Amino acid sequence: MAFEEERPRPKPAAHVIGQDLSALSLDELAERTAMLRDEIARIEAAIARKRASAAAADAVFRL
């Protein structure tokens, strides 16, 4: 078990949905907003790729 203590601990999440925001500064809130917008864009891109893949598969099986 001594090795467990030596392992690096994972960093806490940069943002937790629903967490109290009252202790954050304006700059911290702006950073989180930017981070979440970037994450939304990343998720939307993944959705678009999956939709394109599904559409391509549907087109193949319709023949």
PDB file of N, CA and C in Angstrom:
ATOM      1  N   MET A   1       0.806  -1.199   0.000  1.00  0.00           N
ATOM      2  CA  MET A   1       0.000   0.000   0.000  1.00  0.00           C
ATOM      3  C   MET A   1       0.853   1.269   0.000  1.00  0.00           C
ATOM      4  N   ALA A   2       2.109   1.156   0.302  1.00  0.00           N
ATOM      5  CA  ALA A   2       2.965   2.339   0.310  1.00  0.00           C
ATOM      6  C   ALA A   2       3.033   2.966  -1.077  1.00  0.00           C
ATOM      7  N   PHE A   3       2.920   2.139  -2.112  1.00  0.00           N
ATOM      8  CA  PHE A   3       2.988   2.671  -3.468  1.00  0.00           C
ATOM      9  C   PHE A   3       1.761   3.523  -3.809  1.00  0.00           C
ATOM     10  N   GLU A   4       0.632   3.219  -3.221  1.00  0.00           N
ATOM     11  CA  GLU A   4      -0.576   4.000  -3.445  1.00  0.00           C
ATOM     12  C   GLU A   4      -0.360   5.456  -3.051  1.00  0.00           C
ATOM     13  N   GLU A   5       0.329   5.666  -1.954  1.00  0.00           N
ATOM     14  CA  GLU A   5       0.558   7.025  -1.464  1.00  0.00           C
ATOM     15  C   GLU A   5       1.510   7.798  -2.356  1.00  0.00           C
ATOM     16  N   GLU A   6       2.371   7.097  -3.095  1.00  0.00           N
ATOM     17  CA  GLU A   6       3.368   7.759  -3.927  1.00  0.00           C
ATOM     18  C   GLU A   6       2.838   8.119  -5.311  1.00  0.00           C
ATOM     19  N   ARG A   7       1.728   7.517  -5.714  1.00  0.00           N
ATOM     20  CA  ARG A   7       1.163   7.804  -7.023  1.00  0.00           C
ATOM     21  C   ARG A   7       0.637   9.229  -7.078  1.00  0.00           C
ATOM     22  N   PRO A   8       0.844   9.902  -8.217  1.00  0.00           N
ATOM     23  CA  PRO A   8       0.294  11.258  -8.323  1.00  0.00           C
ATOM     24  C   PRO A   8      -1.231  11.206  -8.305  1.00  0.00           C
ATOM     25  N   ARG A   9      -1.805  12.157  -7.620  1.00  0.00           N
ATOM     26  CA  ARG A   9      -3.263  12.206  -7.540  1.00  0.00           C
ATOM     27  C   ARG A   9      -3.813  12.927  -8.769  1.00  0.00           C
ATOM     28  N   PRO A  10      -4.947  12.474  -9.250  1.00  0.00           N
ATOM     29  CA  PRO A  10      -5.524  13.174 -10.405  1.00  0.00           C
ATOM     30  C   PRO A  10      -5.936  14.594 -10.037  1.00  0.00           C
ATOM     31  N   LYS A  11      -5.782  15.493 -11.012  1.00  0.00           N
ATOM     32  CA  LYS A  11      -6.180  16.878 -10.772  1.00  0.00           C
ATOM     33  C   LYS A  11      -7.694  16.947 -10.679  1.00  0.00           C
ATOM     34  N   PRO A  12      -8.216  17.794  -9.816  1.00  0.00           N
ATOM     35  CA  PRO A  12      -9.675  17.942  -9.762  1.00  0.00           C
ATOM     36  C   PRO A  12     -10.183  18.554 -11.059  1.00  0.00           C
ATOM     37  N   ALA A  13     -11.420  18.305 -11.373  1.00  0.00           N
ATOM     38  CA  ALA A  13     -12.020  18.856 -12.585  1.00  0.00           C
ATOM     39  C   ALA A  13     -11.970  20.383 -12.541  1.00  0.00           C
ATOM     40  N   ALA A  14     -11.767  20.978 -13.703  1.00  0.00           N
ATOM     41  CA  ALA A  14     -11.708  22.435 -13.772  1.00  0.00           C
ATOM     42  C   ALA A  14     -13.057  23.051 -13.436  1.00  0.00           C
ATOM     43  N   HIS A  15     -14.113  22.319 -13.728  1.00  0.00           N
ATOM     44  CA  HIS A  15     -15.447  22.811 -13.413  1.00  0.00           C
ATOM     45  C   HIS A  15     -16.345  21.624 -13.126  1.00  0.00           C
ATOM     46  N   VAL A  16     -17.154  21.767 -12.113  1.00  0.00           N
ATOM     47  CA  VAL A  16     -18.130  20.742 -11.773  1.00  0.00           C
ATOM     48  C   VAL A  16     -19.507  21.367 -11.949  1.00  0.00           C
ATOM     49  N   ILE A  17     -20.334  20.730 -12.764  1.00  0.00           N
ATOM     50  CA  ILE A  17     -21.674  21.246 -13.011  1.00  0.00           C
ATOM     51  C   ILE A  17     -22.414  21.395 -11.678  1.00  0.00           C
ATOM     52  N   GLY A  18     -22.984  22.556 -11.460  1.00  0.00           N
ATOM     53  CA  GLY A  18     -23.767  22.815 -10.270  1.00  0.00           C
ATOM     54  C   GLY A  18     -22.980  23.310  -9.071  1.00  0.00           C
ATOM     55  N   GLN A  19     -21.660  23.427  -9.201  1.00  0.00           N
ATOM     56  CA  GLN A  19     -20.878  23.866  -8.045  1.00  0.00           C
ATOM     57  C   GLN A  19     -21.145  25.332  -7.713  1.00  0.00           C
ATOM     58  N   ASP A  20     -20.883  25.701  -6.475  1.00  0.00           N
ATOM     59  CA  ASP A  20     -21.069  27.074  -6.013  1.00  0.00           C
ATOM     60  C   ASP A  20     -20.060  27.979  -6.716  1.00  0.00           C
ATOM     61  N   LEU A  21     -20.539  29.018  -7.340  1.00  0.00           N
ATOM     62  CA  LEU A  21     -19.674  29.939  -8.087  1.00  0.00           C
ATOM     63  C   LEU A  21     -19.394  31.234  -7.332  1.00  0.00           C
ATOM     64  N   SER A  22     -19.960  31.385  -6.164  1.00  0.00           N
ATOM     65  CA  SER A  22     -19.860  32.653  -5.449  1.00  0.00           C
ATOM     66  C   SER A  22     -18.438  33.011  -5.037  1.00  0.00           C
ATOM     67  N   ALA A  23     -17.563  32.034  -4.855  1.00  0.00           N
ATOM     68  CA  ALA A  23     -16.196  32.311  -4.416  1.00  0.00           C
ATOM     69  C   ALA A  23     -15.253  32.615  -5.583  1.00  0.00           C
ATOM     70  N   LEU A  24     -15.742  32.505  -6.812  1.00  0.00           N
ATOM     71  CA  LEU A  24     -14.872  32.717  -7.975  1.00  0.00           C
ATOM     72  C   LEU A  24     -14.838  34.189  -8.373  1.00  0.00           C
ATOM     73  N   SER A  25     -13.674  34.613  -8.856  1.00  0.00           N
ATOM     74  CA  SER A  25     -13.525  35.995  -9.323  1.00  0.00           C
ATOM     75  C   SER A  25     -14.132  36.129 -10.715  1.00  0.00           C
ATOM     76  N   LEU A  26     -14.245  37.366 -11.175  1.00  0.00           N
ATOM     77  CA  LEU A  26     -14.749  37.608 -12.527  1.00  0.00           C
ATOM     78  C   LEU A  26     -13.852  36.946 -13.565  1.00  0.00           C
ATOM     79  N   ASP A  27     -12.538  37.020 -13.367  1.00  0.00           N
ATOM     80  CA  ASP A  27     -11.603  36.391 -14.308  1.00  0.00           C
ATOM     81  C   ASP A  27     -11.774  34.878 -14.322  1.00  0.00           C
ATOM     82  N   GLU A  28     -11.932  34.281 -13.155  1.00  0.00           N
ATOM     83  CA  GLU A  28     -12.122  32.832 -13.083  1.00  0.00           C
ATOM     84  C   GLU A  28     -13.423  32.414 -13.764  1.00  0.00           C
ATOM     85  N   LEU A  29     -14.473  33.205 -13.569  1.00  0.00           N
ATOM     86  CA  LEU A  29     -15.739  32.902 -14.226  1.00  0.00           C
ATOM     87  C   LEU A  29     -15.616  33.026 -15.744  1.00  0.00           C
ATOM     88  N   ALA A  30     -14.905  34.048 -16.205  1.00  0.00           N
ATOM     89  CA  ALA A  30     -14.697  34.218 -17.646  1.00  0.00           C
ATOM     90  C   ALA A  30     -13.888  33.060 -18.220  1.00  0.00           C
ATOM     91  N   GLU A  31     -12.866  32.603 -17.488  1.00  0.00           N
ATOM     92  CA  GLU A  31     -12.063  31.458 -17.935  1.00  0.00           C
ATOM     93  C   GLU A  31     -12.925  30.207 -18.054  1.00  0.00           C
ATOM     94  N   ARG A  32     -13.776  29.994 -17.084  1.00  0.00           N
ATOM     95  CA  ARG A  32     -14.658  28.816 -17.116  1.00  0.00           C
ATOM     96  C   ARG A  32     -15.643  28.906 -18.267  1.00  0.00           C
ATOM     97  N   THR A  33     -16.158  30.095 -18.506  1.00  0.00           N
ATOM     98  CA  THR A  33     -17.079  30.278 -19.626  1.00  0.00           C
ATOM     99  C   THR A  33     -16.385  29.930 -20.937  1.00  0.00           C
ATOM    100  N   ALA A  34     -15.168  30.414 -21.116  1.00  0.00           N
ATOM    101  CA  ALA A  34     -14.407  30.112 -22.335  1.00  0.00           C
ATOM    102  C   ALA A  34     -14.128  28.610 -22.443  1.00  0.00           C
ATOM    103  N   MET A  35     -13.753  27.995 -21.333  1.00  0.00           N
ATOM    104  CA  MET A  35     -13.467  26.561 -21.330  1.00  0.00           C
ATOM    105  C   MET A  35     -14.719  25.772 -21.709  1.00  0.00           C
ATOM    106  N   LEU A  36     -15.856  26.151 -21.143  1.00  0.00           N
ATOM    107  CA  LEU A  36     -17.093  25.437 -21.437  1.00  0.00           C
ATOM    108  C   LEU A  36     -17.535  25.655 -22.879  1.00  0.00           C
ATOM    109  N   ARG A  37     -17.323  26.850 -23.417  1.00  0.00           N
ATOM    110  CA  ARG A  37     -17.646  27.089 -24.838  1.00  0.00           C
ATOM    111  C   ARG A  37     -16.777  26.220 -25.739  1.00  0.00           C
ATOM    112  N   ASP A  38     -15.493  26.112 -25.409  1.00  0.00           N
ATOM    113  CA  ASP A  38     -14.600  25.242 -26.182  1.00  0.00           C
ATOM    114  C   ASP A  38     -15.055  23.788 -26.096  1.00  0.00           C
ATOM    115  N   GLU A  39     -15.474  23.377 -24.921  1.00  0.00           N
ATOM    116  CA  GLU A  39     -15.934  21.998 -24.742  1.00  0.00           C
ATOM    117  C   GLU A  39     -17.225  21.746 -25.524  1.00  0.00           C
ATOM    118  N   ILE A  40     -18.125  22.716 -25.539  1.00  0.00           N
ATOM    119  CA  ILE A  40     -19.351  22.587 -26.325  1.00  0.00           C
ATOM    120  C   ILE A  40     -19.008  22.439 -27.800  1.00  0.00           C
ATOM    121  N   ALA A  41     -18.085  23.233 -28.296  1.00  0.00           N
ATOM    122  CA  ALA A  41     -17.667  23.138 -29.698  1.00  0.00           C
ATOM    123  C   ALA A  41     -17.068  21.764 -29.990  1.00  0.00           C
ATOM    124  N   ARG A  42     -16.286  21.230 -29.076  1.00  0.00           N
ATOM    125  CA  ARG A  42     -15.680  19.908 -29.251  1.00  0.00           C
ATOM    126  C   ARG A  42     -16.754  18.826 -29.300  1.00  0.00           C
ATOM    127  N   ILE A  43     -17.738  18.935 -28.423  1.00  0.00           N
ATOM    128  CA  ILE A  43     -18.830  17.960 -28.391  1.00  0.00           C
ATOM    129  C   ILE A  43     -19.665  18.057 -29.661  1.00  0.00           C
ATOM    130  N   GLU A  44     -19.963  19.278 -30.097  1.00  0.00           N
ATOM    131  CA  GLU A  44     -20.741  19.449 -31.320  1.00  0.00           C
ATOM    132  C   GLU A  44     -20.013  18.889 -32.536  1.00  0.00           C
ATOM    133  N   ALA A  45     -18.690  19.025 -32.572  1.00  0.00           N
ATOM    134  CA  ALA A  45     -17.906  18.449 -33.666  1.00  0.00           C
ATOM    135  C   ALA A  45     -17.977  16.927 -33.631  1.00  0.00           C
ATOM    136  N   ALA A  46     -17.930  16.343 -32.453  1.00  0.00           N
ATOM    137  CA  ALA A  46     -18.040  14.886 -32.328  1.00  0.00           C
ATOM    138  C   ALA A  46     -19.418  14.419 -32.789  1.00  0.00           C
ATOM    139  N   ILE A  47     -20.453  15.167 -32.440  1.00  0.00           N
ATOM    140  CA  ILE A  47     -21.806  14.824 -32.884  1.00  0.00           C
ATOM    141  C   ILE A  47     -21.885  14.873 -34.401  1.00  0.00           C
ATOM    142  N   ALA A  48     -21.317  15.905 -35.001  1.00  0.00           N
ATOM    143  CA  ALA A  48     -21.339  16.044 -36.459  1.00  0.00           C
ATOM    144  C   ALA A  48     -20.615  14.882 -37.125  1.00  0.00           C
ATOM    145  N   ARG A  49     -19.468  14.480 -36.574  1.00  0.00           N
ATOM    146  CA  ARG A  49     -18.729  13.345 -37.143  1.00  0.00           C
ATOM    147  C   ARG A  49     -19.554  12.059 -37.053  1.00  0.00           C
ATOM    148  N   LYS A  50     -20.183  11.841 -35.916  1.00  0.00           N
ATOM    149  CA  LYS A  50     -20.991  10.629 -35.732  1.00  0.00           C
ATOM    150  C   LYS A  50     -22.210  10.643 -36.647  1.00  0.00           C
ATOM    151  N   ARG A  51     -22.836  11.799 -36.825  1.00  0.00           N
ATOM    152  CA  ARG A  51     -23.978  11.883 -37.746  1.00  0.00           C
ATOM    153  C   ARG A  51     -23.539  11.599 -39.177  1.00  0.00           C
ATOM    154  N   ALA A  52     -22.390  12.144 -39.567  1.00  0.00           N
ATOM    155  CA  ALA A  52     -21.878  11.899 -40.918  1.00  0.00           C
ATOM    156  C   ALA A  52     -21.570  10.417 -41.110  1.00  0.00           C
ATOM    157  N   SER A  53     -20.995   9.795 -40.110  1.00  0.00           N
ATOM    158  CA  SER A  53     -20.686   8.371 -40.180  1.00  0.00           C
ATOM    159  C   SER A  53     -21.966   7.547 -40.283  1.00  0.00           C
ATOM    160  N   ALA A  54     -22.966   7.893 -39.496  1.00  0.00           N
ATOM    161  CA  ALA A  54     -24.239   7.176 -39.535  1.00  0.00           C
ATOM    162  C   ALA A  54     -24.925   7.366 -40.885  1.00  0.00           C
ATOM    163  N   ALA A  55     -24.862   8.566 -41.428  1.00  0.00           N
ATOM    164  CA  ALA A  55     -25.470   8.847 -42.736  1.00  0.00           C
ATOM    165  C   ALA A  55     -24.761   8.042 -43.822  1.00  0.00           C
ATOM    166  N   ALA A  56     -23.448   7.943 -43.739  1.00  0.00           N
ATOM    167  CA  ALA A  56     -22.693   7.168 -44.719  1.00  0.00           C
ATOM    168  C   ALA A  56     -23.060   5.686 -44.619  1.00  0.00           C
ATOM    169  N   ALA A  57     -23.193   5.175 -43.409  1.00  0.00           N
ATOM    170  CA  ALA A  57     -23.575   3.775 -43.230  1.00  0.00           C
ATOM    171  C   ALA A  57     -24.993   3.545 -43.748  1.00  0.00           C
ATOM    172  N   ASP A  58     -25.905   4.470 -43.472  1.00  0.00           N
ATOM    173  CA  ASP A  58     -27.268   4.329 -43.968  1.00  0.00           C
ATOM    174  C   ASP A  58     -27.285   4.300 -45.493  1.00  0.00           C
ATOM    175  N   ALA A  59     -26.470   5.150 -46.112  1.00  0.00           N
ATOM    176  CA  ALA A  59     -26.423   5.209 -47.577  1.00  0.00           C
ATOM    177  C   ALA A  59     -25.925   3.885 -48.155  1.00  0.00           C
ATOM    178  N   VAL A  60     -24.973   3.258 -47.513  1.00  0.00           N
ATOM    179  CA  VAL A  60     -24.435   1.988 -47.990  1.00  0.00           C
ATOM    180  C   VAL A  60     -25.501   0.899 -47.901  1.00  0.00           C
ATOM    181  N   PHE A  61     -26.248   0.863 -46.824  1.00  0.00           N
ATOM    182  CA  PHE A  61     -27.215  -0.199 -46.620  1.00  0.00           C
ATOM    183  C   PHE A  61     -28.533   0.033 -47.364  1.00  0.00           C
ATOM    184  N   ARG A  62     -28.744   1.215 -47.892  1.00  0.00           N
ATOM    185  CA  ARG A  62     -29.949   1.486 -48.679  1.00  0.00           C
ATOM    186  C   ARG A  62     -29.816   0.964 -50.103  1.00  0.00           C
ATOM    187  N   LEU A  63     -28.603   0.721 -50.536  1.00  0.00           N
ATOM    188  CA  LEU A  63     -28.386   0.263 -51.922  1.00  0.00           C
ATOM    189  C   LEU A  63     -28.899  -1.091 -52.115  1.00  0.00           C
TER     190      LEU A  63
END
